[in-house]
PDB file of N, CA and C in Angstrom:
ATOM      1  N   MET A   1       0.827  -1.198   0.000  1.00  0.00           N
ATOM      2  CA  MET A   1       0.000   0.000   0.000  1.00  0.00           C
ATOM      3  C   MET A   1       0.863   1.251   0.000  1.00  0.00           C
ATOM      4  N   LEU A   2       1.800   1.314   0.895  1.00  0.00           N
ATOM      5  CA  LEU A   2       2.622   2.514   1.003  1.00  0.00           C
ATOM      6  C   LEU A   2       3.994   2.293   0.372  1.00  0.00           C
ATOM      7  N   SER A   3       4.032   1.543  -0.690  1.00  0.00           N
ATOM      8  CA  SER A   3       5.322   1.177  -1.287  1.00  0.00           C
ATOM      9  C   SER A   3       6.115   2.385  -1.759  1.00  0.00           C
ATOM     10  N   LEU A   4       5.448   3.392  -2.320  1.00  0.00           N
ATOM     11  CA  LEU A   4       6.167   4.565  -2.795  1.00  0.00           C
ATOM     12  C   LEU A   4       6.782   5.356  -1.648  1.00  0.00           C
ATOM     13  N   LEU A   5       6.134   5.336  -0.514  1.00  0.00           N
ATOM     14  CA  LEU A   5       6.603   6.133   0.615  1.00  0.00           C
ATOM     15  C   LEU A   5       7.614   5.416   1.482  1.00  0.00           C
ATOM     16  N   SER A   6       7.567   4.115   1.542  1.00  0.00           N
ATOM     17  CA  SER A   6       8.360   3.385   2.523  1.00  0.00           C
ATOM     18  C   SER A   6       9.859   3.617   2.372  1.00  0.00           C
ATOM     19  N   GLU A   7      10.335   3.883   1.171  1.00  0.00           N
ATOM     20  CA  GLU A   7      11.766   4.120   0.983  1.00  0.00           C
ATOM     21  C   GLU A   7      12.156   5.567   1.280  1.00  0.00           C
ATOM     22  N   GLU A   8      11.188   6.467   1.262  1.00  0.00           N
ATOM     23  CA  GLU A   8      11.467   7.892   1.386  1.00  0.00           C
ATOM     24  C   GLU A   8      11.274   8.437   2.806  1.00  0.00           C
ATOM     25  N   LEU A   9      10.420   7.809   3.583  1.00  0.00           N
ATOM     26  CA  LEU A   9      10.055   8.332   4.903  1.00  0.00           C
ATOM     27  C   LEU A   9      10.865   7.677   6.012  1.00  0.00           C
ATOM     28  N   PRO A  10      11.026   8.403   7.134  1.00  0.00           N
ATOM     29  CA  PRO A  10      11.641   7.787   8.312  1.00  0.00           C
ATOM     30  C   PRO A  10      10.819   6.576   8.764  1.00  0.00           C
ATOM     31  N   ARG A  11      11.506   5.617   9.317  1.00  0.00           N
ATOM     32  CA  ARG A  11      10.884   4.349   9.703  1.00  0.00           C
ATOM     33  C   ARG A  11       9.657   4.503  10.611  1.00  0.00           C
ATOM     34  N   PRO A  12       9.691   5.349  11.653  1.00  0.00           N
ATOM     35  CA  PRO A  12       8.501   5.466  12.511  1.00  0.00           C
ATOM     36  C   PRO A  12       7.253   5.899  11.735  1.00  0.00           C
ATOM     37  N   LEU A  13       7.417   6.816  10.772  1.00  0.00           N
ATOM     38  CA  LEU A  13       6.263   7.244   9.975  1.00  0.00           C
ATOM     39  C   LEU A  13       5.749   6.094   9.114  1.00  0.00           C
ATOM     40  N   THR A  14       6.667   5.385   8.502  1.00  0.00           N
ATOM     41  CA  THR A  14       6.275   4.252   7.661  1.00  0.00           C
ATOM     42  C   THR A  14       5.531   3.202   8.477  1.00  0.00           C
ATOM     43  N   GLN A  15       6.018   2.907   9.656  1.00  0.00           N
ATOM     44  CA  GLN A  15       5.382   1.893  10.508  1.00  0.00           C
ATOM     45  C   GLN A  15       3.958   2.310  10.876  1.00  0.00           C
ATOM     46  N   HIS A  16       3.791   3.543  11.298  1.00  0.00           N
ATOM     47  CA  HIS A  16       2.469   3.996  11.718  1.00  0.00           C
ATOM     48  C   HIS A  16       1.518   4.155  10.539  1.00  0.00           C
ATOM     49  N   LEU A  17       2.031   4.594   9.402  1.00  0.00           N
ATOM     50  CA  LEU A  17       1.187   4.686   8.214  1.00  0.00           C
ATOM     51  C   LEU A  17       0.732   3.310   7.746  1.00  0.00           C
ATOM     52  N   THR A  18       1.616   2.333   7.832  1.00  0.00           N
ATOM     53  CA  THR A  18       1.248   0.969   7.459  1.00  0.00           C
ATOM     54  C   THR A  18       0.159   0.433   8.384  1.00  0.00           C
ATOM     55  N   THR A  19       0.313   0.651   9.675  1.00  0.00           N
ATOM     56  CA  THR A  19      -0.703   0.229  10.643  1.00  0.00           C
ATOM     57  C   THR A  19      -2.027   0.929  10.368  1.00  0.00           C
ATOM     58  N   PHE A  20      -1.963   2.230  10.131  1.00  0.00           N
ATOM     59  CA  PHE A  20      -3.178   2.998   9.828  1.00  0.00           C
ATOM     60  C   PHE A  20      -3.862   2.448   8.580  1.00  0.00           C
ATOM     61  N   ALA A  21      -3.088   2.200   7.538  1.00  0.00           N
ATOM     62  CA  ALA A  21      -3.637   1.701   6.276  1.00  0.00           C
ATOM     63  C   ALA A  21      -4.282   0.328   6.453  1.00  0.00           C
ATOM     64  N   GLU A  22      -3.703  -0.512   7.293  1.00  0.00           N
ATOM     65  CA  GLU A  22      -4.279  -1.831   7.559  1.00  0.00           C
ATOM     66  C   GLU A  22      -5.606  -1.719   8.300  1.00  0.00           C
ATOM     67  N   GLN A  23      -5.708  -0.758   9.190  1.00  0.00           N
ATOM     68  CA  GLN A  23      -6.922  -0.571   9.978  1.00  0.00           C
ATOM     69  C   GLN A  23      -7.990   0.226   9.235  1.00  0.00           C
ATOM     70  N   HIS A  24      -7.599   0.964   8.203  1.00  0.00           N
ATOM     71  CA  HIS A  24      -8.527   1.810   7.437  1.00  0.00           C
ATOM     72  C   HIS A  24      -8.321   1.568   5.944  1.00  0.00           C
ATOM     73  N   PRO A  25      -8.811   0.441   5.435  1.00  0.00           N
ATOM     74  CA  PRO A  25      -8.541   0.081   4.039  1.00  0.00           C
ATOM     75  C   PRO A  25      -9.119   1.059   3.016  1.00  0.00           C
ATOM     76  N   ASP A  26     -10.074   1.894   3.414  1.00  0.00           N
ATOM     77  CA  ASP A  26     -10.632   2.878   2.483  1.00  0.00           C
ATOM     78  C   ASP A  26      -9.704   4.077   2.289  1.00  0.00           C
ATOM     79  N   TRP A  27      -8.658   4.174   3.097  1.00  0.00           N
ATOM     80  CA  TRP A  27      -7.682   5.256   2.949  1.00  0.00           C
ATOM     81  C   TRP A  27      -6.554   4.774   2.040  1.00  0.00           C
ATOM     82  N   THR A  28      -6.610   5.168   0.784  1.00  0.00           N
ATOM     83  CA  THR A  28      -5.571   4.809  -0.178  1.00  0.00           C
ATOM     84  C   THR A  28      -4.344   5.694   0.032  1.00  0.00           C
ATOM     85  N   GLN A  29      -3.260   5.315  -0.633  1.00  0.00           N
ATOM     86  CA  GLN A  29      -2.048   6.129  -0.554  1.00  0.00           C
ATOM     87  C   GLN A  29      -2.328   7.535  -1.069  1.00  0.00           C
ATOM     88  N   ALA A  30      -3.087   7.640  -2.139  1.00  0.00           N
ATOM     89  CA  ALA A  30      -3.420   8.956  -2.696  1.00  0.00           C
ATOM     90  C   ALA A  30      -4.230   9.781  -1.706  1.00  0.00           C
ATOM     91  N   ARG A  31      -5.164   9.147  -1.003  1.00  0.00           N
ATOM     92  CA  ARG A  31      -5.996   9.868  -0.033  1.00  0.00           C
ATOM     93  C   ARG A  31      -5.152  10.351   1.140  1.00  0.00           C
ATOM     94  N   ILE A  32      -4.251   9.508   1.615  1.00  0.00           N
ATOM     95  CA  ILE A  32      -3.376   9.890   2.724  1.00  0.00           C
ATOM     96  C   ILE A  32      -2.492  11.071   2.322  1.00  0.00           C
ATOM     97  N   LEU A  33      -1.884  10.975   1.146  1.00  0.00           N
ATOM     98  CA  LEU A  33      -1.018  12.063   0.679  1.00  0.00           C
ATOM     99  C   LEU A  33      -1.804  13.344   0.445  1.00  0.00           C
ATOM    100  N   SER A  34      -2.977  13.231  -0.153  1.00  0.00           N
ATOM    101  CA  SER A  34      -3.791  14.420  -0.420  1.00  0.00           C
ATOM    102  C   SER A  34      -4.177  15.129   0.867  1.00  0.00           C
ATOM    103  N   SER A  35      -4.603  14.356   1.868  1.00  0.00           N
ATOM    104  CA  SER A  35      -5.001  14.989   3.127  1.00  0.00           C
ATOM    105  C   SER A  35      -3.808  15.623   3.832  1.00  0.00           C
ATOM    106  N   ALA A  36      -2.690  14.926   3.860  1.00  0.00           N
ATOM    107  CA  ALA A  36      -1.507  15.449   4.557  1.00  0.00           C
ATOM    108  C   ALA A  36      -0.937  16.685   3.862  1.00  0.00           C
ATOM    109  N   LEU A  37      -0.795  16.616   2.560  1.00  0.00           N
ATOM    110  CA  LEU A  37      -0.188  17.742   1.840  1.00  0.00           C
ATOM    111  C   LEU A  37      -1.104  18.953   1.799  1.00  0.00           C
ATOM    112  N   SER A  38      -2.388  18.734   1.605  1.00  0.00           N
ATOM    113  CA  SER A  38      -3.302  19.882   1.573  1.00  0.00           C
ATOM    114  C   SER A  38      -3.390  20.539   2.949  1.00  0.00           C
ATOM    115  N   LEU A  39      -3.409  19.753   4.020  1.00  0.00           N
ATOM    116  CA  LEU A  39      -3.422  20.333   5.363  1.00  0.00           C
ATOM    117  C   LEU A  39      -2.136  21.115   5.617  1.00  0.00           C
ATOM    118  N   PHE A  40      -1.005  20.566   5.214  1.00  0.00           N
ATOM    119  CA  PHE A  40       0.270  21.274   5.359  1.00  0.00           C
ATOM    120  C   PHE A  40       0.215  22.632   4.655  1.00  0.00           C
ATOM    121  N   LEU A  41      -0.273  22.645   3.421  1.00  0.00           N
ATOM    122  CA  LEU A  41      -0.350  23.898   2.660  1.00  0.00           C
ATOM    123  C   LEU A  41      -1.291  24.890   3.330  1.00  0.00           C
ATOM    124  N   LEU A  42      -2.442  24.421   3.787  1.00  0.00           N
ATOM    125  CA  LEU A  42      -3.401  25.319   4.443  1.00  0.00           C
ATOM    126  C   LEU A  42      -2.831  25.897   5.732  1.00  0.00           C
ATOM    127  N   GLN A  43      -2.122  25.075   6.493  1.00  0.00           N
ATOM    128  CA  GLN A  43      -1.534  25.547   7.745  1.00  0.00           C
ATOM    129  C   GLN A  43      -0.379  26.513   7.518  1.00  0.00           C
ATOM    130  N   ASN A  44       0.138  26.533   6.299  1.00  0.00           N
ATOM    131  CA  ASN A  44       1.277  27.392   5.995  1.00  0.00           C
ATOM    132  C   ASN A  44       0.920  28.525   5.037  1.00  0.00           C
ATOM    133  N   GLY A  45      -0.334  28.944   5.094  1.00  0.00           N
ATOM    134  CA  GLY A  45      -0.718  30.178   4.446  1.00  0.00           C
ATOM    135  C   GLY A  45      -1.397  30.101   3.091  1.00  0.00           C
ATOM    136  N   VAL A  46      -1.525  28.922   2.511  1.00  0.00           N
ATOM    137  CA  VAL A  46      -2.226  28.824   1.229  1.00  0.00           C
ATOM    138  C   VAL A  46      -3.714  29.047   1.480  1.00  0.00           C
ATOM    139  N   THR A  47      -4.305  29.933   0.722  1.00  0.00           N
ATOM    140  CA  THR A  47      -5.724  30.261   0.916  1.00  0.00           C
ATOM    141  C   THR A  47      -6.582  29.864  -0.286  1.00  0.00           C
ATOM    142  N   ASP A  48      -6.039  29.094  -1.179  1.00  0.00           N
ATOM    143  CA  ASP A  48      -6.757  28.656  -2.372  1.00  0.00           C
ATOM    144  C   ASP A  48      -7.904  27.726  -1.977  1.00  0.00           C
ATOM    145  N   ARG A  49      -9.111  28.089  -2.396  1.00  0.00           N
ATOM    146  CA  ARG A  49     -10.296  27.302  -2.058  1.00  0.00           C
ATOM    147  C   ARG A  49     -10.194  25.873  -2.596  1.00  0.00           C
ATOM    148  N   ALA A  50      -9.554  25.711  -3.742  1.00  0.00           N
ATOM    149  CA  ALA A  50      -9.404  24.369  -4.322  1.00  0.00           C
ATOM    150  C   ALA A  50      -8.591  23.457  -3.403  1.00  0.00           C
ATOM    151  N   VAL A  51      -7.576  24.016  -2.742  1.00  0.00           N
ATOM    152  CA  VAL A  51      -6.772  23.224  -1.799  1.00  0.00           C
ATOM    153  C   VAL A  51      -7.625  22.837  -0.593  1.00  0.00           C
ATOM    154  N   SER A  52      -8.472  23.752  -0.129  1.00  0.00           N
ATOM    155  CA  SER A  52      -9.388  23.442   0.973  1.00  0.00           C
ATOM    156  C   SER A  52     -10.337  22.315   0.584  1.00  0.00           C
ATOM    157  N   GLU A  53     -10.823  22.354  -0.639  1.00  0.00           N
ATOM    158  CA  GLU A  53     -11.737  21.310  -1.105  1.00  0.00           C
ATOM    159  C   GLU A  53     -11.035  19.956  -1.237  1.00  0.00           C
ATOM    160  N   VAL A  54      -9.771  19.974  -1.664  1.00  0.00           N
ATOM    161  CA  VAL A  54      -9.000  18.727  -1.723  1.00  0.00           C
ATOM    162  C   VAL A  54      -8.893  18.133  -0.319  1.00  0.00           C
ATOM    163  N   TYR A  55      -8.589  18.979   0.648  1.00  0.00           N
ATOM    164  CA  TYR A  55      -8.475  18.509   2.031  1.00  0.00           C
ATOM    165  C   TYR A  55      -9.797  17.927   2.537  1.00  0.00           C
ATOM    166  N   LEU A  56     -10.866  18.658   2.350  1.00  0.00           N
ATOM    167  CA  LEU A  56     -12.164  18.198   2.837  1.00  0.00           C
ATOM    168  C   LEU A  56     -12.605  16.918   2.135  1.00  0.00           C
ATOM    169  N   GLN A  57     -12.364  16.828   0.843  1.00  0.00           N
ATOM    170  CA  GLN A  57     -12.716  15.611   0.101  1.00  0.00           C
ATOM    171  C   GLN A  57     -11.901  14.425   0.605  1.00  0.00           C
ATOM    172  N   ALA A  58     -10.616  14.646   0.849  1.00  0.00           N
ATOM    173  CA  ALA A  58      -9.762  13.566   1.351  1.00  0.00           C
ATOM    174  C   ALA A  58     -10.214  13.101   2.729  1.00  0.00           C
ATOM    175  N   MET A  59     -10.564  14.051   3.583  1.00  0.00           N
ATOM    176  CA  MET A  59     -10.947  13.704   4.949  1.00  0.00           C
ATOM    177  C   MET A  59     -12.338  13.083   5.053  1.00  0.00           C
ATOM    178  N   PHE A  60     -13.284  13.619   4.295  1.00  0.00           N
ATOM    179  CA  PHE A  60     -14.677  13.214   4.470  1.00  0.00           C
ATOM    180  C   PHE A  60     -15.265  12.446   3.296  1.00  0.00           C
ATOM    181  N   GLY A  61     -14.502  12.293   2.229  1.00  0.00           N
ATOM    182  CA  GLY A  61     -14.953  11.504   1.087  1.00  0.00           C
ATOM    183  C   GLY A  61     -16.290  11.965   0.550  1.00  0.00           C
ATOM    184  N   ASP A  62     -17.204  11.025   0.399  1.00  0.00           N
ATOM    185  CA  ASP A  62     -18.517  11.312  -0.180  1.00  0.00           C
ATOM    186  C   ASP A  62     -19.390  12.190   0.710  1.00  0.00           C
ATOM    187  N   LEU A  63     -19.022  12.336   1.969  1.00  0.00           N
ATOM    188  CA  LEU A  63     -19.805  13.201   2.860  1.00  0.00           C
ATOM    189  C   LEU A  63     -19.607  14.675   2.529  1.00  0.00           C
ATOM    190  N   PHE A  64     -18.480  14.992   1.902  1.00  0.00           N
ATOM    191  CA  PHE A  64     -18.198  16.379   1.540  1.00  0.00           C
ATOM    192  C   PHE A  64     -18.761  16.674   0.165  1.00  0.00           C
ATOM    193  N   VAL A  65     -19.601  17.699   0.099  1.00  0.00           N
ATOM    194  CA  VAL A  65     -20.169  18.148  -1.168  1.00  0.00           C
ATOM    195  C   VAL A  65     -19.670  19.568  -1.413  1.00  0.00           C
ATOM    196  N   PRO A  66     -18.826  19.749  -2.438  1.00  0.00           N
ATOM    197  CA  PRO A  66     -18.313  21.100  -2.701  1.00  0.00           C
ATOM    198  C   PRO A  66     -19.446  22.065  -3.022  1.00  0.00           C
ATOM    199  N   ALA A  67     -19.270  23.303  -2.622  1.00  0.00           N
ATOM    200  CA  ALA A  67     -20.264  24.332  -2.924  1.00  0.00           C
ATOM    201  C   ALA A  67     -20.281  24.587  -4.419  1.00  0.00           C
ATOM    202  N   ASN A  68     -21.450  24.855  -4.924  1.00  0.00           N
ATOM    203  CA  ASN A  68     -21.611  25.204  -6.329  1.00  0.00           C
ATOM    204  C   ASN A  68     -21.430  26.710  -6.448  1.00  0.00           C
ATOM    205  N   ASP A  69     -20.398  27.157  -7.156  1.00  0.00           N
ATOM    206  CA  ASP A  69     -20.102  28.587  -7.273  1.00  0.00           C
ATOM    207  C   ASP A  69     -21.161  29.353  -8.046  1.00  0.00           C
ATOM    208  N   ASP A  70     -21.927  28.655  -8.892  1.00  0.00           N
ATOM    209  CA  ASP A  70     -22.937  29.343  -9.702  1.00  0.00           C
ATOM    210  C   ASP A  70     -24.120  29.799  -8.881  1.00  0.00           C
ATOM    211  N   ILE A  71     -24.465  29.038  -7.842  1.00  0.00           N
ATOM    212  CA  ILE A  71     -25.627  29.360  -7.027  1.00  0.00           C
ATOM    213  C   ILE A  71     -25.150  29.553  -5.602  1.00  0.00           C
ATOM    214  N   LYS A  72     -25.011  30.791  -5.173  1.00  0.00           N
ATOM    215  CA  LYS A  72     -24.506  31.093  -3.832  1.00  0.00           C
ATOM    216  C   LYS A  72     -25.541  30.715  -2.770  1.00  0.00           C
ATOM    217  N   GLY A  73     -25.076  30.038  -1.753  1.00  0.00           N
ATOM    218  CA  GLY A  73     -25.929  29.727  -0.612  1.00  0.00           C
ATOM    219  C   GLY A  73     -26.774  28.478  -0.778  1.00  0.00           C
ATOM    220  N   GLU A  74     -26.735  27.840  -1.937  1.00  0.00           N
ATOM    221  CA  GLU A  74     -27.526  26.628  -2.147  1.00  0.00           C
ATOM    222  C   GLU A  74     -26.597  25.499  -2.527  1.00  0.00           C
ATOM    223  N   ARG A  75     -26.997  24.312  -2.182  1.00  0.00           N
ATOM    224  CA  ARG A  75     -26.232  23.125  -2.549  1.00  0.00           C
ATOM    225  C   ARG A  75     -27.100  22.259  -3.430  1.00  0.00           C
ATOM    226  N   SER A  76     -26.483  21.660  -4.436  1.00  0.00           N
ATOM    227  CA  SER A  76     -27.244  20.784  -5.319  1.00  0.00           C
ATOM    228  C   SER A  76     -27.236  19.358  -4.831  1.00  0.00           C
TER     229      SER A  76
END
């Protein structure tokens, strides 16, 4: 699952990510990376709404419904 990361990350991170992935099979490597990187960017000053949506989608999956920019205040 975390084959791309296991050679690049410190061992403690790899171990815990592997355990997490085993316990949460719906969290793919792409989902883990998307949530971690988007949160890092948001915490370090990026204010792009698209990055916020990537984070929310990664964290909440199908529960997150992006706002429709065409119709303010309503969700489809």
